[in-house]
Protein backbone atom coordinates (compact mmCIF):
# COMPACT_ATOMS: atom_id res chain seq x y z
CA MET A 1 65.83 -61.08 -4.82
CA TYR A 2 68.27 -58.63 -3.39
CA PHE A 3 67.34 -55.25 -2.85
CA PHE A 4 69.62 -51.73 -2.90
CA ASN A 5 68.72 -48.97 -0.48
CA LEU A 6 71.21 -46.30 -2.00
CA ARG A 7 70.65 -42.37 -1.47
CA GLU A 8 72.03 -40.09 -4.38
CA PRO A 9 71.13 -36.45 -3.90
CA VAL A 10 68.86 -35.11 -6.89
CA SER A 11 71.16 -32.19 -7.12
CA GLN A 12 74.11 -34.67 -8.82
CA PHE A 13 71.70 -35.86 -11.23
CA GLY A 14 73.56 -35.43 -15.00
CA GLN A 15 76.92 -36.86 -12.68
CA TYR A 16 78.16 -40.19 -11.92
CA SER A 17 75.72 -42.15 -9.98
CA MET A 18 76.49 -45.21 -8.46
CA ILE A 19 73.42 -46.81 -9.22
CA LYS A 20 73.56 -46.48 -12.40
CA ASP A 21 76.95 -47.73 -12.12
CA LEU A 22 75.20 -50.97 -10.56
CA ASP A 23 73.00 -51.42 -12.67
CA ALA A 24 74.70 -51.62 -15.94
CA LYS A 25 76.98 -54.19 -14.04
CA LEU A 26 74.10 -56.55 -12.54
CA LYS A 27 72.67 -55.94 -16.46
CA ALA A 28 75.95 -57.48 -17.67
CA SER A 29 76.33 -60.51 -15.34
CA PHE A 30 72.42 -61.92 -15.19
CA SER A 31 69.81 -62.01 -18.34
CA GLY A 32 66.85 -62.14 -16.32
CA TYR A 33 67.93 -58.81 -14.53
CA LYS A 34 65.71 -55.38 -14.21
CA LEU A 35 66.05 -52.47 -12.21
CA ILE A 36 62.65 -50.97 -10.80
CA ASP A 37 63.21 -47.09 -10.69
CA TYR A 38 60.49 -45.35 -8.28
CA GLY A 39 62.37 -42.04 -9.39
CA MET A 40 63.18 -39.36 -6.89
CA LEU A 41 61.66 -40.41 -3.72
CA THR A 42 61.79 -37.53 -0.41
CA LEU A 43 63.45 -38.97 2.42
CA LYS A 44 60.80 -37.96 4.48
CA ASP A 45 56.77 -38.05 5.52
CA ASP A 46 55.53 -34.80 3.95
CA ILE A 47 51.70 -36.49 3.84
CA ASP A 48 50.91 -34.16 6.38
CA ALA A 49 52.30 -31.07 5.90
């Protein structure tokens, strides 16, 4: 199992995405590959804010 930590700004949504490009290449190369999409995540802890 491999993990990638890539940060792409939300403001670039709809433009070139390294994550989507990597996902497509891994799907083409490995039949059992699946991406776990956590959606948009905050980069700071806002729990107590």
